[in-house]
N, C-alpha and C. Protein backbone atom coordinates (compact mmCIF):
# COMPACT_ATOMS: atom_id res chain seq x y z
N UNK A 1 -9.04 0.39 -14.57
CA UNK A 1 -8.89 1.21 -14.80
C UNK A 1 -10.97 1.47 -15.14
N UNK A 2 -11.18 2.97 -14.73
CA UNK A 2 -12.46 2.87 -14.60
C UNK A 2 -12.91 2.77 -16.00
N UNK A 3 -12.77 3.70 -16.62
CA UNK A 3 -12.57 3.02 -18.95
C UNK A 3 -12.68 1.56 -19.37
N UNK A 4 -11.86 0.77 -18.32
CA UNK A 4 -11.73 -0.15 -19.83
C UNK A 4 -13.55 -1.11 -17.94
N UNK A 5 -12.99 -1.58 -16.81
CA UNK A 5 -14.17 -2.02 -16.75
C UNK A 5 -16.01 -1.46 -17.31
N UNK A 6 -15.37 0.12 -17.01
CA UNK A 6 -16.57 0.37 -18.16
C UNK A 6 -16.92 0.15 -19.36
N UNK A 7 -16.25 -0.14 -20.43
CA UNK A 7 -15.82 -0.84 -21.82
C UNK A 7 -16.43 -1.64 -21.90
N UNK A 8 -16.16 -2.62 -20.75
CA UNK A 8 -15.86 -4.52 -21.29
C UNK A 8 -16.49 -4.92 -20.13
N UNK A 9 -17.72 -3.26 -19.24
CA UNK A 9 -18.34 -4.37 -18.53
C UNK A 9 -17.62 -5.27 -17.39
N UNK A 10 -17.21 -4.69 -17.40
CA UNK A 10 -16.35 -5.16 -15.32
C UNK A 10 -16.60 -4.75 -14.31
N UNK A 11 -15.75 -4.41 -13.63
CA UNK A 11 -15.57 -3.60 -11.80
C UNK A 11 -15.05 -3.01 -12.31
N UNK A 12 -14.09 -2.14 -11.59
CA UNK A 12 -13.08 -1.29 -11.17
C UNK A 12 -12.40 -1.54 -9.15
N UNK A 13 -11.39 -2.47 -9.41
CA UNK A 13 -11.62 -2.89 -8.19
C UNK A 13 -10.45 -1.54 -7.99
N UNK A 14 -10.73 -1.83 -6.65
CA UNK A 14 -9.86 -0.49 -5.61
C UNK A 14 -9.11 -1.93 -5.01
N UNK A 15 -7.78 -1.01 -4.47
CA UNK A 15 -5.97 -2.61 -4.00
C UNK A 15 -5.00 -1.54 -3.40
N UNK A 16 -5.16 -2.14 -2.26
CA UNK A 16 -4.63 -1.17 -1.30
C UNK A 16 -3.04 -2.38 -1.00
N UNK A 17 -2.15 -1.76 -1.95
CA UNK A 17 -0.92 -3.12 -1.65
C UNK A 17 -0.21 -2.89 -0.65
N UNK A 18 -0.65 -3.47 0.99
CA UNK A 18 0.11 -3.62 2.48
C UNK A 18 0.14 -4.48 2.32
N UNK A 19 1.67 -4.99 1.80
CA UNK A 19 2.28 -6.45 2.36
C UNK A 19 3.34 -5.93 3.54
N UNK A 20 2.87 -4.84 4.19
CA UNK A 20 3.22 -5.30 5.41
C UNK A 20 1.52 -4.79 6.41
N UNK A 21 0.69 -5.22 6.96
CA UNK A 21 -0.14 -5.76 7.42
C UNK A 21 0.09 -4.63 8.76
N UNK A 22 1.31 -4.50 9.50
CA UNK A 22 0.85 -4.03 10.45
C UNK A 22 1.15 -2.73 10.44
N UNK A 23 1.55 -1.40 9.75
CA UNK A 23 2.68 -0.91 9.60
C UNK A 23 2.15 -0.12 8.82
N UNK A 24 0.77 -0.20 7.99
CA UNK A 24 0.11 0.46 7.47
C UNK A 24 -1.07 1.81 8.33
N UNK A 25 -1.37 2.51 7.88
CA UNK A 25 -2.34 3.39 8.03
C UNK A 25 -3.48 3.42 7.96
N UNK A 26 -4.98 3.22 8.92
CA UNK A 26 -6.67 3.89 7.37
C UNK A 26 -6.34 5.20 7.24
N UNK A 27 -6.26 5.57 7.58
CA UNK A 27 -6.06 7.30 7.48
C UNK A 27 -5.52 7.40 6.31
N UNK A 28 -4.34 6.90 5.88
CA UNK A 28 -4.05 6.81 4.16
C UNK A 28 -4.54 6.06 3.39
N UNK A 29 -5.89 5.18 3.83
CA UNK A 29 -6.51 4.16 3.36
C UNK A 29 -7.98 5.26 3.01
N UNK A 30 -8.61 5.81 3.24
CA UNK A 30 -9.53 6.78 3.98
C UNK A 30 -9.66 8.27 2.90
N UNK A 31 -8.30 8.19 2.81
CA UNK A 31 -7.76 10.01 1.76
C UNK A 31 -7.90 9.05 0.83
N UNK A 32 -6.96 8.38 0.24
CA UNK A 32 -7.10 7.76 -1.48
C UNK A 32 -8.29 7.54 -1.53
N UNK A 33 -9.73 6.19 -0.65
CA UNK A 33 -10.89 5.89 -0.54
C UNK A 33 -11.95 7.50 -0.94
N UNK A 34 -11.50 8.11 -0.02
CA UNK A 34 -12.10 9.74 -0.98
C UNK A 34 -11.44 10.29 -1.85
N UNK A 35 -10.19 10.45 -2.14
CA UNK A 35 -9.70 10.96 -3.09
C UNK A 35 -10.30 10.58 -4.58
N UNK A 36 -10.23 9.01 -4.16
CA UNK A 36 -10.75 7.94 -5.41
C UNK A 36 -12.83 8.80 -6.48
N UNK A 37 -12.63 8.74 -5.03
CA UNK A 37 -14.22 9.11 -5.22
C UNK A 37 -14.20 10.96 -5.50
N UNK A 38 -13.59 12.02 -5.29
CA UNK A 38 -13.75 13.37 -5.34
C UNK A 38 -13.06 12.77 -7.43
N UNK A 39 -12.65 11.96 -7.79
CA UNK A 39 -12.69 12.08 -8.91
C UNK A 39 -13.18 11.57 -9.74
N UNK A 40 -15.05 10.95 -8.97
CA UNK A 40 -15.67 10.90 -9.90
C UNK A 40 -15.63 8.71 -10.17
N UNK A 41 -15.08 8.76 -9.64
CA UNK A 41 -15.00 6.81 -9.48
C UNK A 41 -15.55 6.94 -8.23
N UNK A 42 -15.87 5.13 -8.74
CA UNK A 42 -16.66 4.07 -8.05
C UNK A 42 -16.01 2.41 -8.41
N UNK A 43 -15.64 2.54 -7.19
CA UNK A 43 -14.97 0.71 -7.41
C UNK A 43 -15.97 0.06 -6.70
N UNK A 44 -16.10 -1.03 -7.85
CA UNK A 44 -17.26 -1.60 -6.95
C UNK A 44 -16.83 -2.29 -5.23
N UNK A 45 -15.19 -2.92 -5.37
CA UNK A 45 -14.86 -3.01 -4.58
C UNK A 45 -13.25 -2.73 -3.80
N UNK A 46 -13.64 -2.74 -2.49
CA UNK A 46 -11.79 -2.66 -1.90
C UNK A 46 -10.87 -3.01 -1.93
N UNK A 47 -9.88 -3.76 -1.85
CA UNK A 47 -9.16 -4.97 -1.49
C UNK A 47 -7.98 -4.53 -0.70
N UNK A 48 -7.17 -5.71 -0.23
CA UNK A 48 -5.53 -5.49 0.23
C UNK A 48 -4.94 -6.65 0.05
N UNK A 49 -3.57 -6.26 -1.00
CA UNK A 49 -2.71 -7.80 -1.19
C UNK A 49 -2.48 -8.18 -0.01
N UNK A 50 -2.96 -8.36 1.37
CA UNK A 50 -3.57 -9.33 2.05
C UNK A 50 -4.67 -10.01 2.56
N UNK A 51 -5.17 -9.17 1.64
CA UNK A 51 -5.98 -10.27 1.64
C UNK A 51 -5.99 -12.06 1.35
N UNK A 52 -5.22 -12.31 -0.12
CA UNK A 52 -4.54 -12.85 -0.31
C UNK A 52 -3.36 -13.14 -0.14
N UNK A 53 -2.50 -12.71 1.26
CA UNK A 53 -1.79 -13.65 0.98
C UNK A 53 -1.05 -15.50 1.44
N UNK A 54 -2.93 -15.72 1.70
CA UNK A 54 -2.94 -17.59 2.44
C UNK A 54 -3.16 -18.51 0.74
N UNK A 55 -3.28 -17.13 -0.12
CA UNK A 55 -3.77 -17.62 -1.75
C UNK A 55 -2.18 -18.04 -2.51
N UNK A 56 -1.05 -17.32 -2.07
CA UNK A 56 -0.36 -15.93 -2.63
C UNK A 56 0.67 -17.13 -2.35
N UNK A 57 0.99 -17.79 -1.64
CA UNK A 57 1.74 -18.92 -0.22
C UNK A 57 1.67 -20.47 -1.16
N UNK A 58 0.56 -20.29 -1.14
CA UNK A 58 -0.29 -21.76 -1.92
C UNK A 58 0.97 -21.93 -3.78
N UNK A 59 -0.03 -20.79 -4.49
CA UNK A 59 1.07 -21.45 -5.02
C UNK A 59 1.79 -20.94 -5.77
N UNK A 60 2.54 -19.97 -4.80
CA UNK A 60 4.22 -20.29 -4.41
C UNK A 60 5.16 -21.81 -4.11
N UNK A 61 4.14 -21.38 -3.30
CA UNK A 61 4.59 -23.32 -2.98
C UNK A 61 4.74 -24.46 -3.62
N UNK A 62 3.70 -24.05 -4.36
CA UNK A 62 3.29 -25.77 -4.99
C UNK A 62 4.17 -25.24 -6.69
N UNK A 63 4.23 -23.59 -7.51
CA UNK A 63 5.07 -23.26 -8.52
C UNK A 63 6.42 -23.45 -7.88
N UNK A 64 7.09 -23.61 -6.55
CA UNK A 64 8.72 -23.96 -6.34
C UNK A 64 8.07 -26.12 -5.72
N UNK A 65 7.23 -26.33 -5.65
CA UNK A 65 7.55 -28.06 -6.05
C UNK A 65 7.44 -28.55 -7.40
N UNK A 66 6.54 -28.02 -7.94
CA UNK A 66 6.50 -28.43 -9.39
C UNK A 66 7.59 -28.06 -10.23
N UNK A 67 8.40 -27.54 -10.27
CA UNK A 67 9.64 -26.43 -10.64
C UNK A 67 10.01 -25.41 -12.09
N UNK A 68 8.93 -25.09 -11.35
CA UNK A 68 8.25 -23.26 -11.84
C UNK A 68 9.13 -22.16 -11.41
N UNK A 69 9.16 -22.31 -10.01
CA UNK A 69 9.85 -21.33 -9.37
C UNK A 69 11.02 -21.64 -8.60
N UNK A 70 12.03 -20.68 -8.13
CA UNK A 70 12.61 -20.87 -7.48
C UNK A 70 12.92 -20.00 -5.56
N UNK A 71 13.78 -19.84 -4.71
CA UNK A 71 14.19 -18.65 -4.31
C UNK A 71 15.60 -18.36 -4.52
N UNK A 72 15.84 -17.72 -4.34
CA UNK A 72 16.67 -17.17 -5.07
C UNK A 72 17.03 -15.91 -3.34
N UNK A 73 18.92 -16.75 -2.58
CA UNK A 73 18.70 -15.65 -1.40
C UNK A 73 19.58 -14.96 -2.27
N UNK A 74 20.01 -15.35 -2.96
CA UNK A 74 20.99 -13.48 -3.29
C UNK A 74 21.45 -11.94 -2.94
N UNK A 75 22.18 -11.80 -2.71
CA UNK A 75 22.63 -10.56 -2.28
C UNK A 75 21.57 -10.06 -3.16
N UNK A 76 20.56 -8.66 -3.79
CA UNK A 76 20.41 -7.52 -4.59
C UNK A 76 21.88 -7.26 -5.36
N UNK A 77 22.79 -6.57 -4.57
CA UNK A 77 23.95 -6.46 -5.90
C UNK A 77 24.09 -7.19 -6.03
N UNK A 78 24.16 -9.19 -5.81
CA UNK A 78 24.83 -9.80 -6.98
C UNK A 78 24.23 -10.47 -7.84
N UNK A 79 22.74 -10.40 -7.52
CA UNK A 79 21.53 -10.86 -8.68
C UNK A 79 21.76 -9.55 -9.75
N UNK A 80 22.24 -8.12 -9.42
CA UNK A 80 22.35 -7.47 -10.42
C UNK A 80 23.12 -6.98 -11.28
N UNK A 81 24.70 -7.41 -11.06
CA UNK A 81 25.56 -7.69 -11.18
C UNK A 81 25.41 -9.27 -12.54
N UNK A 82 25.09 -10.10 -12.02
CA UNK A 82 24.32 -11.76 -13.26
C UNK A 82 23.58 -10.97 -14.15
N UNK A 83 22.21 -10.62 -13.95
CA UNK A 83 21.93 -9.99 -14.66
C UNK A 83 21.99 -9.17 -15.69
N UNK A 84 23.17 -8.43 -14.84
CA UNK A 84 24.07 -6.73 -16.34
C UNK A 84 24.90 -7.83 -17.52
N UNK A 85 25.83 -8.65 -17.14
CA UNK A 85 26.57 -10.51 -17.36
C UNK A 85 25.50 -10.79 -17.57
N UNK A 86 23.90 -10.31 -18.06
CA UNK A 86 23.04 -12.09 -18.62
C UNK A 86 24.64 -13.27 -17.94
N UNK A 87 24.58 -13.94 -16.94
CA UNK A 87 24.37 -15.46 -15.70
C UNK A 87 23.20 -15.30 -14.76
N UNK A 88 23.09 -16.52 -15.44
CA UNK A 88 21.65 -16.87 -14.59
C UNK A 88 22.39 -16.70 -12.14
N UNK A 89 21.59 -17.24 -12.58
CA UNK A 89 21.56 -17.22 -10.63
C UNK A 89 22.01 -17.97 -10.71
N UNK A 90 23.05 -19.11 -9.70
CA UNK A 90 23.79 -19.94 -9.17
C UNK A 90 22.54 -20.24 -8.55
N UNK A 91 21.64 -20.60 -8.07
CA UNK A 91 20.15 -20.55 -7.25
C UNK A 91 19.02 -21.51 -7.97
N UNK A 92 19.67 -20.69 -9.66
CA UNK A 92 17.90 -21.67 -10.15
C UNK A 92 18.08 -22.94 -11.14
N UNK A 93 19.11 -23.58 -10.44
CA UNK A 93 18.33 -25.18 -10.96
C UNK A 93 19.02 -25.85 -9.55
N UNK A 94 18.60 -24.76 -8.27
CA UNK A 94 18.57 -26.09 -7.48
C UNK A 94 17.43 -26.46 -7.10
N UNK A 95 17.34 -28.00 -6.09
CA UNK A 95 17.14 -28.55 -5.87
C UNK A 95 15.83 -27.59 -5.30
N UNK A 96 13.89 -28.71 -5.28
CA UNK A 96 13.34 -28.18 -5.06
C UNK A 96 13.56 -27.20 -3.43
N UNK A 97 14.11 -28.22 -3.07
CA UNK A 97 14.48 -28.67 -1.59
C UNK A 97 14.44 -27.65 -1.10
N UNK A 98 15.72 -27.48 -1.95
CA UNK A 98 16.82 -25.78 -1.19
C UNK A 98 15.74 -24.76 -1.18
N UNK A 99 14.62 -24.83 -1.92
CA UNK A 99 14.32 -23.26 -2.08
C UNK A 99 12.76 -22.92 -1.13
């Protein structure tokens, strides 16, 4: 937040979560930037989640290869049921090649 940026001599970053950039509309971003400025806030930078897609993919791939993460194709309803029952996903211990 702006408070912490000022308190700790940091920077306020405004990041848009554009996980599907092809569907995002610039007019909404422009309106949000304008609203932020109307509040008296001055972001040091405006970024987008999509700016980091390649970096995130590399990190996720490395984490899977190191056995620190896995891909879980279990349907959401089943995942929710397993969490409620405090049971692990059947894909949790799958070989790295399957993730």
